[in-house]
């Protein structure tokens, strides 16, 4: 089918989706009252006027939300909520803040954190921003909450027993949700911090319930002081270190990690969300998707003409609606980025990267599974459309022609921009390699990947350890992908051959780096262990049990070392350790290595206990 036919097919599917009224029409967010809007409480409802404006005035909307925050300040509740917004995320952050403000302003929420009474009242909240002086780390604003929390407990939130800090991409989905019941059940006398479990790290920081205590302030001060620690790239990685230290110090009871479904979402969100979930946290989604969902929710709640304390108890967003919203947002983002990339504007790198990011989001494994939002053929069409853009630009350059007469850089591309397009094209080829189904197709794409990697190597300084490691790592991915295909076909001898090449490449990548302080080192170690584990599995199928035993131990050694020395993605690393130890135990049983088998199973039980949150 021609690519233009596939694109039309995708868009026609979207039109049909939009016409399905029972999927798309936001059910009335109100119950039964006929009150006029003039009777609404002086809270979030009046902010809807700013949402209706086009273009939306974010500064006015922020001021209105702050005033709505202040309107709830007289409540007797012992809990206060807070979030942080900044200009680059206003499009979804302010809409989410407004939607949550309707929840905070509802008047049927328990406000007592002790078990001596119930009490009800408006939940106070605070919308922090650079304007409030809470932009402590503009280079990575994920860190702002880590500093804002102890500052709040020492300042404006000092009168409250608990501070609940939520991320800007999180909304309260089910308005029956009562954080006080969470505190009563999980916030015992020795617990000062309640977090949700995470699929990758040990805990997720998107919803934090913090007791106002000297311990909490000291803990967050320590957390803040450790930003930039080796092998960490975000606040959650540092939290992994702190949680390990609490266990060593015998203070692990201070932090309670509870099931994600209680106060957060489980990643990947679109695959696990249920309409009745208390919270919807769009972690890992793009700004376009977050904005589409936030706009959908706020438009629905603002269409209500009823008092905000009579709103329905759920957002009425469903898993199907989430996937549909994401599909439309990402397709629109892809088409816009493709047009701007082709136009060769001065922001070409940013727009071309967005084109590739849109494909990664749309064509993730979750979206391609079962009732996913897109199929493999559609993804291949998008990949090839993007490849065509980069190839056109590179072809113009090779012919020494101006890609666009109105471009800001006439003539041939600079070496840096040419390298950028070659690298983007290579990543798109990797995408095609993952999507290819047949062995011949995969082999053909793999050859293109290797040729383009050779072209990349000729354009960069291969005396640089980082560049050498990059090329070796990418070559490892190519041969690893071929090995995975051979495994799926039970071609064990060919799988061994491909994995041996992949292992050689990733070993060269690790040797190229000067030390394990390089930011890519943990990821390279995991790649090595996955190759070694896959090779062990192939040898096991071939009956070469001693070879299988040797290679699973090579994988175990590296992952175990990584687990002890790095705090990045700790839960993911422990899951990999668990998988490897189970595989090793199976091999030991086949070899009658019963002593080692018992040791491996003891380690398995310990890991299962650690991962049982």
Protein backbone atom coordinates (compact mmCIF):
# COMPACT_ATOMS: atom_id res chain seq x y z
CA UNK A 1 0.00 0.00 0.00
CA UNK A 2 1.45 3.42 -0.93
CA UNK A 3 2.51 5.58 2.01
CA UNK A 4 0.01 8.31 1.15
CA UNK A 5 -2.81 5.78 1.29
CA UNK A 6 -1.67 4.64 4.73
CA UNK A 7 -1.57 8.23 6.02
CA UNK A 8 -5.11 8.85 4.72
CA UNK A 9 -6.19 5.59 6.36
CA UNK A 10 -4.78 6.71 9.70
CA UNK A 11 -6.52 10.06 9.55
CA UNK A 12 -9.79 8.53 8.40
CA UNK A 13 -9.58 6.22 11.43
CA UNK A 14 -9.24 9.29 13.62
CA UNK A 15 -12.33 10.86 12.07
CA UNK A 16 -14.30 7.69 12.79
CA UNK A 17 -13.04 7.70 16.36
CA UNK A 18 -14.16 11.28 16.84
CA UNK A 19 -17.60 10.42 15.52
CA UNK A 20 -18.08 7.76 18.19
CA UNK A 21 -20.00 10.00 20.55
CA UNK A 22 -20.26 7.48 23.36
CA UNK A 23 -16.45 7.39 23.50
CA UNK A 24 -15.73 11.04 23.03
CA UNK A 25 -18.47 13.10 24.62
CA UNK A 26 -17.46 13.93 28.18
CA UNK A 27 -20.35 12.78 30.32
CA UNK A 28 -21.92 15.49 32.41
CA UNK A 29 -19.52 16.26 35.24
CA UNK A 30 -22.42 17.44 37.34
CA UNK A 31 -25.10 15.60 39.24
CA UNK A 32 -28.62 17.02 39.28
CA UNK A 33 -28.73 20.68 40.28
CA UNK A 34 -30.10 23.49 38.09
CA UNK A 35 -28.20 26.28 39.86
CA UNK A 36 -27.06 29.17 37.68
CA UNK A 37 -23.34 29.90 37.35
CA UNK A 38 -23.85 33.11 39.35
CA UNK A 39 -24.38 30.96 42.45
CA UNK A 40 -21.00 29.26 42.11
CA UNK A 41 -18.59 29.54 45.02
CA UNK A 42 -15.67 31.98 44.54
CA UNK A 43 -13.32 29.20 43.52
CA UNK A 44 -12.14 27.40 40.40
CA UNK A 45 -15.31 27.79 38.31
CA UNK A 46 -14.57 31.42 37.53
CA UNK A 47 -11.15 30.41 36.15
CA UNK A 48 -12.96 28.63 33.32
CA UNK A 49 -13.45 32.00 31.64
CA UNK A 50 -9.70 32.17 31.02
CA UNK A 51 -9.60 28.61 29.66
CA UNK A 52 -12.17 29.58 27.02
CA UNK A 53 -10.01 32.44 25.76
CA UNK A 54 -8.08 31.97 22.53
CA UNK A 55 -5.18 32.29 22.72
CA UNK A 56 -5.14 31.20 26.33
CA UNK A 57 -3.59 33.75 28.70
CA UNK A 58 -1.56 31.50 30.98
CA UNK A 59 -0.53 34.28 33.34
CA UNK A 60 -4.16 35.24 33.98
CA UNK A 61 -5.10 31.59 34.47
CA UNK A 62 -2.23 31.13 36.95
CA UNK A 63 -3.34 34.17 38.96
CA UNK A 64 -6.91 32.87 39.04
CA UNK A 65 -5.80 29.43 40.27
CA UNK A 66 -3.66 31.04 42.97
CA UNK A 67 -6.67 33.08 44.11
CA UNK A 68 -8.78 29.90 44.14
CA UNK A 69 -6.04 28.31 46.30
CA UNK A 70 -6.31 31.19 48.72
CA UNK A 71 -10.11 30.86 48.86
CA UNK A 72 -9.68 27.50 50.60
CA UNK A 73 -7.15 28.77 53.11
CA UNK A 74 -9.55 28.93 56.02
CA UNK A 75 -10.22 25.22 56.12
CA UNK A 76 -9.66 23.24 59.30
CA UNK A 77 -8.06 20.34 57.44
CA UNK A 78 -4.69 19.07 58.63
CA UNK A 79 -3.48 18.43 55.08
CA UNK A 80 -2.39 20.84 52.34
CA UNK A 81 -1.67 19.96 48.71
CA UNK A 82 1.00 21.61 46.54
CA UNK A 83 2.29 21.40 43.00
CA UNK A 84 4.86 23.27 40.89
CA UNK A 85 4.24 24.73 37.43
CA UNK A 86 6.60 26.56 35.07
CA UNK A 87 6.16 28.28 31.68
CA UNK A 88 7.41 25.42 29.49
CA UNK A 89 4.64 23.12 30.84
CA UNK A 90 1.85 25.67 31.36
CA UNK A 91 -0.21 24.12 28.54
CA UNK A 92 -1.00 21.04 30.65
CA UNK A 93 0.22 21.98 34.13
CA UNK A 94 -2.19 24.90 34.62
CA UNK A 95 -5.15 22.96 33.24
CA UNK A 96 -4.33 20.08 35.59
CA UNK A 97 -3.97 22.52 38.48
CA UNK A 98 -7.41 23.94 37.67
CA UNK A 99 -8.98 20.50 37.36
CA UNK A 100 -7.49 19.47 40.71
CA UNK A 101 -8.75 22.71 42.23
CA UNK A 102 -12.31 21.54 41.57
CA UNK A 103 -11.48 18.44 43.61
CA UNK A 104 -9.91 20.49 46.39
CA UNK A 105 -12.96 22.78 46.47
CA UNK A 106 -15.50 19.98 46.78
CA UNK A 107 -17.02 19.91 50.27
CA UNK A 108 -17.35 16.22 50.99
CA UNK A 109 -13.75 15.44 51.83
CA UNK A 110 -12.67 14.09 55.21
CA UNK A 111 -10.19 16.45 56.86
CA UNK A 112 -9.07 14.68 60.01
CA UNK A 113 -5.89 12.60 60.01
CA UNK A 114 -6.53 11.12 63.44
CA UNK A 115 -9.12 8.44 64.14
CA UNK A 116 -10.92 10.58 66.71
CA UNK A 117 -13.29 12.30 64.27
CA UNK A 118 -14.12 12.83 60.66
CA UNK A 119 -14.66 16.50 59.90
CA UNK A 120 -15.12 17.93 56.42
CA UNK A 121 -14.02 21.02 54.55
CA UNK A 122 -12.35 22.47 51.51
CA UNK A 123 -8.82 21.12 51.06
CA UNK A 124 -6.29 23.95 50.92
CA UNK A 125 -3.71 23.89 48.15
CA UNK A 126 -0.84 25.94 46.79
CA UNK A 127 0.28 26.29 43.17
CA UNK A 128 4.00 27.02 43.26
CA UNK A 129 5.87 28.57 40.33
CA UNK A 130 8.88 30.72 39.51
CA UNK A 131 6.68 33.68 40.51
CA UNK A 132 6.41 32.32 44.07
CA UNK A 133 10.19 31.99 44.36
CA UNK A 134 10.16 28.19 44.21
CA UNK A 135 12.22 27.71 41.03
CA UNK A 136 15.26 26.39 42.88
CA UNK A 137 16.85 24.44 40.02
CA UNK A 138 15.82 25.71 36.54
CA UNK A 139 18.28 23.33 34.83
CA UNK A 140 16.17 20.34 35.93
CA UNK A 141 12.87 21.40 37.44
CA UNK A 142 12.08 17.89 38.62
CA UNK A 143 14.31 18.82 41.56
CA UNK A 144 12.30 21.87 42.60
CA UNK A 145 9.86 19.90 44.73
CA UNK A 146 12.72 18.35 46.70
CA UNK A 147 13.73 21.82 47.84
CA UNK A 148 10.22 23.31 47.94
CA UNK A 149 8.95 20.73 50.45
CA UNK A 150 11.27 21.52 53.39
CA UNK A 151 11.03 25.23 52.59
CA UNK A 152 7.22 24.96 52.75
CA UNK A 153 7.27 22.99 56.02
CA UNK A 154 9.44 25.72 57.55
CA UNK A 155 7.29 28.45 56.04
CA UNK A 156 3.80 28.69 54.55
CA UNK A 157 2.83 25.04 55.31
CA UNK A 158 4.13 25.02 58.88
CA UNK A 159 0.62 24.99 60.39
CA UNK A 160 -0.36 21.77 58.62
CA UNK A 161 0.30 18.25 59.83
CA UNK A 162 0.89 16.90 56.32
CA UNK A 163 2.00 18.31 52.98
CA UNK A 164 0.98 16.35 49.86
CA UNK A 165 3.12 17.25 46.85
CA UNK A 166 1.88 16.15 43.43
CA UNK A 167 3.51 16.43 40.00
CA UNK A 168 2.11 18.81 37.40
CA UNK A 169 1.15 15.90 35.11
CA UNK A 170 -1.01 14.26 37.80
CA UNK A 171 -4.74 14.73 38.40
CA UNK A 172 -7.10 13.39 41.04
CA UNK A 173 -9.26 11.17 38.87
CA UNK A 174 -11.73 9.77 41.40
CA UNK A 175 -13.13 12.50 43.65
CA UNK A 176 -14.10 9.97 46.29
CA UNK A 177 -10.38 9.68 46.93
CA UNK A 178 -9.51 10.79 50.46
CA UNK A 179 -5.82 11.16 51.25
CA UNK A 180 -6.65 11.20 54.96
CA UNK A 181 -7.71 7.55 54.80
CA UNK A 182 -4.32 6.77 53.23
CA UNK A 183 -2.60 8.58 56.11
CA UNK A 184 -4.71 6.74 58.70
CA UNK A 185 -3.92 3.34 57.19
CA UNK A 186 -0.25 3.76 56.23
CA UNK A 187 1.06 6.76 58.16
CA UNK A 188 1.81 5.23 61.53
CA UNK A 189 3.66 7.03 64.29
CA UNK A 190 7.05 6.00 62.85
CA UNK A 191 6.19 6.88 59.21
CA UNK A 192 7.03 10.35 57.95
CA UNK A 193 6.88 9.84 54.19
CA UNK A 194 4.41 7.84 52.07
CA UNK A 195 5.29 7.07 48.43
CA UNK A 196 3.98 4.81 45.68
CA UNK A 197 6.01 1.96 44.23
CA UNK A 198 7.54 2.39 40.80
CA UNK A 199 8.12 -0.01 37.90
CA UNK A 200 11.68 1.21 37.31
CA UNK A 201 12.92 2.79 40.54
CA UNK A 202 12.12 1.82 44.12
CA UNK A 203 9.52 4.56 44.49
CA UNK A 204 7.83 7.26 42.42
CA UNK A 205 7.97 10.87 43.56
CA UNK A 206 4.88 12.05 41.65
CA UNK A 207 2.65 11.84 44.75
CA UNK A 208 4.35 12.33 48.11
CA UNK A 209 2.62 12.48 51.49
CA UNK A 210 5.04 14.24 53.86
CA UNK A 211 4.56 14.55 57.60
CA UNK A 212 5.51 17.93 59.03
CA UNK A 213 8.38 16.73 61.19
CA UNK A 214 12.02 17.47 61.89
CA UNK A 215 12.91 14.11 60.30
CA UNK A 216 11.10 15.00 57.05
CA UNK A 217 12.85 18.36 56.74
CA UNK A 218 16.23 16.77 57.41
CA UNK A 219 15.52 13.96 54.91
CA UNK A 220 14.59 16.35 52.10
CA UNK A 221 17.57 18.59 52.89
CA UNK A 222 19.81 15.55 52.54
CA UNK A 223 18.04 14.54 49.33
CA UNK A 224 18.58 17.99 47.84
CA UNK A 225 22.26 18.00 48.81
CA UNK A 226 22.87 14.77 46.86
CA UNK A 227 21.66 15.97 43.46
CA UNK A 228 24.31 15.30 40.84
CA UNK A 229 25.55 12.15 42.59
CA UNK A 230 27.37 9.62 40.35
CA UNK A 231 25.11 7.29 38.33
CA UNK A 232 22.04 9.42 39.00
CA UNK A 233 20.13 11.56 36.53
CA UNK A 234 17.02 12.56 38.47
CA UNK A 235 15.54 12.90 41.95
CA UNK A 236 14.25 9.30 41.98
CA UNK A 237 17.73 7.87 41.41
CA UNK A 238 19.01 9.75 44.46
CA UNK A 239 16.00 8.51 46.41
CA UNK A 240 17.16 4.95 45.66
CA UNK A 241 20.43 5.77 47.45
CA UNK A 242 18.63 7.28 50.43
CA UNK A 243 16.29 4.30 50.78
CA UNK A 244 19.27 1.94 50.77
CA UNK A 245 20.89 4.01 53.53
CA UNK A 246 17.70 3.95 55.63
CA UNK A 247 17.78 0.16 55.59
CA UNK A 248 21.43 0.17 56.67
CA UNK A 249 20.67 2.67 59.47
CA UNK A 250 17.62 0.73 60.66
CA UNK A 251 15.25 3.61 59.81
CA UNK A 252 13.37 2.05 56.89
CA UNK A 253 10.08 2.43 58.79
CA UNK A 254 10.29 6.19 58.24
CA UNK A 255 9.31 5.72 54.57
CA UNK A 256 6.28 3.67 53.59
CA UNK A 257 6.10 2.52 49.97
CA UNK A 258 2.59 1.44 49.05
CA UNK A 259 0.97 0.02 45.91
CA UNK A 260 0.96 2.45 42.98
CA UNK A 261 -2.78 1.96 42.48
CA UNK A 262 -3.50 3.67 45.83
CA UNK A 263 -1.99 7.11 45.19
CA UNK A 264 -0.39 7.01 41.75
CA UNK A 265 -0.47 5.29 38.36
CA UNK A 266 1.39 2.21 37.24
CA UNK A 267 3.71 2.64 34.27
CA UNK A 268 3.08 2.39 31.37
CA UNK A 269 -0.02 4.36 32.27
CA UNK A 270 -2.14 3.79 29.19
CA UNK A 271 -1.74 0.04 29.62
CA UNK A 272 -2.71 -0.06 33.30
CA UNK A 273 -5.14 2.81 33.92
CA UNK A 274 -8.71 2.06 35.03
CA UNK A 275 -11.54 4.59 35.02
CA UNK A 276 -12.05 4.19 38.77
CA UNK A 277 -8.39 4.77 39.71
CA UNK A 278 -7.96 7.51 42.34
CA UNK A 279 -5.16 9.18 40.40
CA UNK A 280 -4.08 9.61 36.78
CA UNK A 281 -0.35 10.34 36.48
CA UNK A 282 0.82 10.69 32.87
CA UNK A 283 4.45 9.92 33.63
CA UNK A 284 6.60 9.35 30.57
CA UNK A 285 4.06 10.84 28.15
CA UNK A 286 4.82 13.75 25.83
CA UNK A 287 3.70 17.32 26.42
CA UNK A 288 1.29 17.00 23.47
CA UNK A 289 -0.44 14.00 25.04
CA UNK A 290 -0.53 15.57 28.49
CA UNK A 291 -1.99 18.77 27.06
CA UNK A 292 -4.65 16.90 25.07
CA UNK A 293 -5.79 15.00 28.17
CA UNK A 294 -5.71 18.10 30.40
CA UNK A 295 -7.71 20.12 27.86
CA UNK A 296 -10.27 17.33 27.55
CA UNK A 297 -10.76 17.16 31.32
CA UNK A 298 -10.92 20.90 31.94
CA UNK A 299 -13.22 21.56 28.99
CA UNK A 300 -15.59 18.98 30.41
CA UNK A 301 -15.62 20.23 33.98
CA UNK A 302 -15.89 23.85 32.90
CA UNK A 303 -18.93 23.10 30.75
CA UNK A 304 -20.82 22.26 33.90
CA UNK A 305 -23.20 24.98 35.11
CA UNK A 306 -23.42 23.50 38.58
CA UNK A 307 -21.72 24.37 41.80
CA UNK A 308 -18.26 22.87 42.12
CA UNK A 309 -19.27 21.03 45.30
CA UNK A 310 -21.87 19.09 43.32
CA UNK A 311 -19.56 17.78 40.65
CA UNK A 312 -19.51 14.08 39.90
CA UNK A 313 -17.00 11.86 41.64
CA UNK A 314 -14.90 10.81 38.65
CA UNK A 315 -13.30 12.56 35.69
CA UNK A 316 -15.11 10.21 33.27
CA UNK A 317 -11.85 9.59 31.43
CA UNK A 318 -11.47 5.98 30.33
CA UNK A 319 -8.54 3.92 29.04
CA UNK A 320 -10.05 4.05 25.54
CA UNK A 321 -10.39 7.82 25.65
CA UNK A 322 -6.82 8.20 26.87
CA UNK A 323 -5.51 6.16 23.95
CA UNK A 324 -7.64 8.08 21.47
CA UNK A 325 -6.49 11.42 22.85
CA UNK A 326 -2.89 10.29 22.63
CA UNK A 327 -3.27 9.06 19.05
CA UNK A 328 -4.73 12.35 17.82
CA UNK A 329 -2.21 14.47 19.73
CA UNK A 330 0.79 12.44 18.59
CA UNK A 331 -0.32 12.25 14.96
CA UNK A 332 -0.83 16.01 14.88
CA UNK A 333 2.55 16.53 16.55
CA UNK A 334 4.24 14.22 14.05
CA UNK A 335 2.76 15.98 11.01
CA UNK A 336 3.70 19.41 12.36
CA UNK A 337 7.24 18.35 13.24
CA UNK A 338 7.66 16.67 9.84
CA UNK A 339 6.60 19.83 8.01
CA UNK A 340 8.94 22.04 10.03
CA UNK A 341 11.84 19.59 9.70
CA UNK A 342 11.36 19.50 5.94
CA UNK A 343 11.20 23.31 5.82
CA UNK A 344 14.70 23.51 7.35
CA UNK A 345 13.87 26.26 9.80
CA UNK A 346 16.44 27.57 12.28
CA UNK A 347 14.96 25.14 14.85
CA UNK A 348 15.46 22.18 12.54
CA UNK A 349 17.22 19.96 15.10
CA UNK A 350 14.49 20.44 17.66
CA UNK A 351 11.67 19.83 15.19
CA UNK A 352 13.34 16.78 13.63
CA UNK A 353 13.92 15.31 17.08
CA UNK A 354 10.25 15.87 17.90
CA UNK A 355 9.33 13.96 14.74
CA UNK A 356 11.33 10.97 15.98
CA UNK A 357 10.01 11.31 19.54
CA UNK A 358 6.46 11.21 18.20
CA UNK A 359 7.21 7.91 16.46
CA UNK A 360 8.77 6.46 19.62
CA UNK A 361 5.70 7.40 21.63
CA UNK A 362 3.16 6.21 19.07
CA UNK A 363 4.97 2.98 18.23
CA UNK A 364 6.00 1.86 21.70
CA UNK A 365 5.60 -1.88 22.41
CA UNK A 366 2.55 -1.16 24.60
CA UNK A 367 0.77 0.71 21.80
CA UNK A 368 1.44 -2.12 19.35
CA UNK A 369 0.03 -4.83 21.61
CA UNK A 370 -3.45 -6.31 21.28
CA UNK A 371 -5.91 -3.43 21.31
CA UNK A 372 -3.14 -0.83 21.00
CA UNK A 373 -3.74 2.55 19.39
CA UNK A 374 -1.73 1.85 16.23
CA UNK A 375 -0.57 -1.16 14.21
CA UNK A 376 2.83 -2.20 12.91
CA UNK A 377 2.15 -1.23 9.29
CA UNK A 378 1.06 2.25 10.28
CA UNK A 379 4.23 2.64 12.33
CA UNK A 380 6.39 1.53 9.42
CA UNK A 381 4.64 4.14 7.26
CA UNK A 382 5.48 6.88 9.77
CA UNK A 383 9.09 5.70 10.07
CA UNK A 384 9.56 5.72 6.31
CA UNK A 385 7.91 9.15 6.00
CA UNK A 386 10.44 10.49 8.51
CA UNK A 387 13.31 8.70 6.75
CA UNK A 388 12.25 10.35 3.50
CA UNK A 389 12.56 13.81 5.06
CA UNK A 390 16.12 13.20 6.25
CA UNK A 391 17.15 11.47 3.01
CA UNK A 392 15.85 14.42 0.98
CA UNK A 393 17.90 16.83 3.07
CA UNK A 394 21.03 14.67 2.80
CA UNK A 395 20.55 14.13 -0.95
CA UNK A 396 20.41 17.89 -1.44
CA UNK A 397 23.59 18.24 0.54
CA UNK A 398 25.40 15.53 -1.40
CA UNK A 399 24.47 17.38 -4.60
CA UNK A 400 25.70 20.65 -3.04
CA UNK A 401 22.27 22.19 -3.55
CA UNK A 402 20.38 24.50 -1.24
CA UNK A 403 17.78 22.39 0.62
CA UNK A 404 15.46 25.38 0.77
CA UNK A 405 16.13 28.76 -0.85
CA UNK A 406 14.58 30.51 2.13
CA UNK A 407 16.61 28.58 4.69
CA UNK A 408 18.94 30.44 7.01
CA UNK A 409 21.95 28.40 5.91
CA UNK A 410 22.06 28.29 2.07
CA UNK A 411 24.31 25.84 0.27
CA UNK A 412 25.65 22.63 1.71
CA UNK A 413 24.88 21.62 5.28
CA UNK A 414 27.45 22.27 7.95
CA UNK A 415 29.30 19.19 9.17
CA UNK A 416 27.43 19.36 12.47
CA UNK A 417 24.00 19.51 10.84
CA UNK A 418 24.88 16.77 8.38
CA UNK A 419 25.94 14.54 11.28
CA UNK A 420 22.67 15.33 13.03
CA UNK A 421 20.59 14.15 10.05
CA UNK A 422 22.70 11.02 9.63
CA UNK A 423 22.22 10.15 13.30
CA UNK A 424 18.47 10.79 13.11
CA UNK A 425 18.23 8.61 10.03
CA UNK A 426 20.15 5.89 11.84
CA UNK A 427 17.73 5.98 14.77
CA UNK A 428 14.83 5.68 12.34
CA UNK A 429 16.50 2.66 10.78
CA UNK A 430 16.73 1.14 14.26
CA UNK A 431 12.99 1.75 14.59
CA UNK A 432 12.42 0.00 11.27
CA UNK A 433 14.63 -2.87 12.41
CA UNK A 434 12.43 -3.38 15.48
CA UNK A 435 9.25 -3.23 13.40
CA UNK A 436 10.43 -5.54 10.60
CA UNK A 437 8.82 -8.95 10.82
CA UNK A 438 10.57 -11.34 8.42
CA UNK A 439 14.19 -12.43 8.62
CA UNK A 440 15.03 -11.11 5.15
CA UNK A 441 13.53 -7.73 5.97
CA UNK A 442 15.46 -7.52 9.24
CA UNK A 443 18.72 -8.48 7.54
CA UNK A 444 18.25 -5.86 4.82
CA UNK A 445 17.55 -3.10 7.34
CA UNK A 446 20.43 -4.27 9.54
CA UNK A 447 22.83 -3.87 6.61
CA UNK A 448 21.59 -0.30 6.09
CA UNK A 449 22.12 0.40 9.81
CA UNK A 450 25.73 -0.82 9.69
CA UNK A 451 26.48 1.22 6.54
CA UNK A 452 25.07 4.37 8.13
CA UNK A 453 27.02 3.71 11.34
CA UNK A 454 30.18 3.46 9.23
CA UNK A 455 29.27 6.81 7.66
CA UNK A 456 28.74 8.28 11.13
CA UNK A 457 32.12 6.94 12.29
CA UNK A 458 33.80 8.64 9.33
CA UNK A 459 32.27 11.97 10.33
CA UNK A 460 33.26 12.02 14.01
CA UNK A 461 36.50 11.92 15.97
CA UNK A 462 36.97 8.22 16.69
CA UNK A 463 39.82 9.15 19.00
CA UNK A 464 37.11 10.14 21.45
CA UNK A 465 36.24 7.33 23.86
CA UNK A 466 32.61 8.47 23.97
CA UNK A 467 32.30 8.35 20.18
CA UNK A 468 33.89 4.90 19.97
CA UNK A 469 31.58 3.61 22.68
CA UNK A 470 28.56 5.09 20.88
CA UNK A 471 29.36 3.35 17.59
CA UNK A 472 30.11 0.00 19.26
CA UNK A 473 26.91 0.23 21.32
CA UNK A 474 24.77 0.92 18.23
CA UNK A 475 26.38 -1.97 16.36
CA UNK A 476 25.59 -4.18 19.36
CA UNK A 477 21.93 -3.16 19.11
CA UNK A 478 21.84 -4.16 15.43
CA UNK A 479 23.27 -7.63 16.00
CA UNK A 480 21.28 -8.04 19.21
CA UNK A 481 18.08 -7.38 17.28
CA UNK A 482 19.04 -10.06 14.77
CA UNK A 483 19.83 -12.43 17.65
CA UNK A 484 16.39 -11.81 19.18
CA UNK A 485 14.77 -12.70 15.87
CA UNK A 486 16.75 -15.94 15.62
CA UNK A 487 15.69 -16.78 19.18
CA UNK A 488 12.04 -16.22 18.24
CA UNK A 489 12.48 -18.68 15.37
CA UNK A 490 14.38 -21.24 17.53
CA UNK A 491 17.40 -20.94 15.22
CA UNK A 492 19.80 -21.49 18.12
CA UNK A 493 23.08 -21.80 16.22
CA UNK A 494 22.42 -18.56 14.32
CA UNK A 495 21.29 -16.93 17.57
CA UNK A 496 24.64 -17.85 19.15
CA UNK A 497 26.54 -16.33 16.20
CA UNK A 498 24.62 -13.04 16.36
CA UNK A 499 24.90 -12.79 20.14
CA UNK A 500 28.64 -13.40 20.07
CA UNK A 501 29.04 -10.46 17.69
CA UNK A 502 26.74 -8.31 19.82
CA UNK A 503 28.74 -9.20 22.95
CA UNK A 504 32.00 -8.33 21.23
CA UNK A 505 30.61 -4.90 20.27
CA UNK A 506 29.23 -4.03 23.72
CA UNK A 507 32.45 -5.22 25.37
CA UNK A 508 34.35 -2.84 23.10
CA UNK A 509 31.96 -0.05 24.10
CA UNK A 510 32.64 -0.67 27.79
CA UNK A 511 36.38 -0.86 27.22
CA UNK A 512 36.27 2.47 25.35
CA UNK A 513 34.98 4.33 28.40
CA UNK A 514 37.58 5.56 30.82
CA UNK A 515 35.65 4.44 33.87
CA UNK A 516 32.27 3.62 35.35
CA UNK A 517 31.53 7.29 36.09
CA UNK A 518 30.40 7.85 32.48
CA UNK A 519 26.65 8.53 32.33
CA UNK A 520 26.09 5.77 29.75
CA UNK A 521 28.05 3.13 31.67
CA UNK A 522 25.13 1.59 33.64
CA UNK A 523 23.06 1.26 30.47
CA UNK A 524 25.94 -0.39 28.64
CA UNK A 525 26.39 -2.86 31.51
CA UNK A 526 22.72 -3.81 31.33
CA UNK A 527 23.02 -4.27 27.56
CA UNK A 528 26.03 -6.56 28.10
CA UNK A 529 24.14 -8.64 30.65
CA UNK A 530 21.12 -8.97 28.35
CA UNK A 531 23.34 -10.21 25.51
CA UNK A 532 25.14 -12.67 27.81
CA UNK A 533 21.83 -13.90 29.22
CA UNK A 534 20.40 -14.38 25.74
CA UNK A 535 23.53 -16.30 24.70
CA UNK A 536 23.20 -18.48 27.80
CA UNK A 537 19.59 -19.27 26.88
CA UNK A 538 20.63 -20.31 23.36
CA UNK A 539 23.37 -22.57 24.71
CA UNK A 540 20.86 -24.09 27.13
CA UNK A 541 18.55 -24.94 24.22
CA UNK A 542 21.48 -26.52 22.40
CA UNK A 543 22.27 -28.67 25.44
CA UNK A 544 25.61 -26.94 26.02
CA UNK A 545 24.91 -26.55 29.71
CA UNK A 546 28.39 -25.59 30.90
CA UNK A 547 28.56 -22.79 28.32
CA UNK A 548 25.09 -21.70 29.43
CA UNK A 549 26.29 -21.73 33.05
CA UNK A 550 29.39 -19.65 32.25
CA UNK A 551 27.49 -16.96 30.35
CA UNK A 552 24.68 -16.55 32.86
CA UNK A 553 27.36 -16.02 35.51
CA UNK A 554 28.97 -13.35 33.31
CA UNK A 555 25.61 -11.61 33.18
CA UNK A 556 25.01 -12.05 36.92
CA UNK A 557 28.42 -10.67 37.86
CA UNK A 558 27.85 -7.45 35.93
CA UNK A 559 24.26 -6.83 37.02
CA UNK A 560 25.04 -7.65 40.65
CA UNK A 561 27.95 -5.20 40.56
CA UNK A 562 25.72 -2.58 38.98
CA UNK A 563 23.06 -3.15 41.65
CA UNK A 564 25.58 -2.56 44.43
CA UNK A 565 27.36 0.44 42.90
CA UNK A 566 24.65 2.35 41.02
CA UNK A 567 21.30 3.78 42.12
CA UNK A 568 19.86 4.31 38.62
CA UNK A 569 16.60 2.47 37.92
CA UNK A 570 17.08 0.24 40.92
CA UNK A 571 13.83 -1.72 40.67
CA UNK A 572 14.55 -2.45 37.00
CA UNK A 573 18.03 -3.73 37.91
CA UNK A 574 16.63 -5.94 40.67
CA UNK A 575 14.07 -7.39 38.29
CA UNK A 576 16.89 -8.24 35.90
CA UNK A 577 18.82 -9.86 38.77
CA UNK A 578 15.76 -11.92 39.69
CA UNK A 579 15.34 -13.10 36.11
CA UNK A 580 19.01 -14.07 35.83
CA UNK A 581 19.09 -15.94 39.14
CA UNK A 582 16.00 -17.95 38.17
CA UNK A 583 17.66 -18.84 34.86
CA UNK A 584 20.88 -19.77 36.66
CA UNK A 585 18.96 -21.98 39.10
CA UNK A 586 17.36 -23.79 36.18
CA UNK A 587 20.77 -24.46 34.63
CA UNK A 588 22.19 -25.61 37.98
CA UNK A 589 19.32 -28.08 38.37
CA UNK A 590 20.06 -29.51 34.93
CA UNK A 591 23.75 -29.87 35.89
CA UNK A 592 22.91 -31.24 39.37
CA UNK A 593 24.78 -28.34 40.99
CA UNK A 594 22.46 -28.54 43.99
CA UNK A 595 24.51 -26.44 46.39
CA UNK A 596 24.65 -23.57 43.94
CA UNK A 597 20.98 -24.14 43.13
CA UNK A 598 20.05 -23.63 46.80
CA UNK A 599 22.16 -20.46 46.93
CA UNK A 600 20.48 -19.03 43.84
CA UNK A 601 17.00 -19.81 45.17
CA UNK A 602 17.80 -18.10 48.47
CA UNK A 603 18.81 -15.00 46.50
CA UNK A 604 15.60 -15.30 44.46
CA UNK A 605 13.48 -15.27 47.62
CA UNK A 606 15.34 -12.23 48.96
CA UNK A 607 14.82 -10.35 45.69
CA UNK A 608 11.14 -11.30 45.54
CA UNK A 609 10.72 -9.89 49.04
CA UNK A 610 12.40 -6.62 48.03
CA UNK A 611 10.19 -6.36 44.95
CA UNK A 612 6.96 -7.34 46.71
CA UNK A 613 5.82 -3.77 47.47
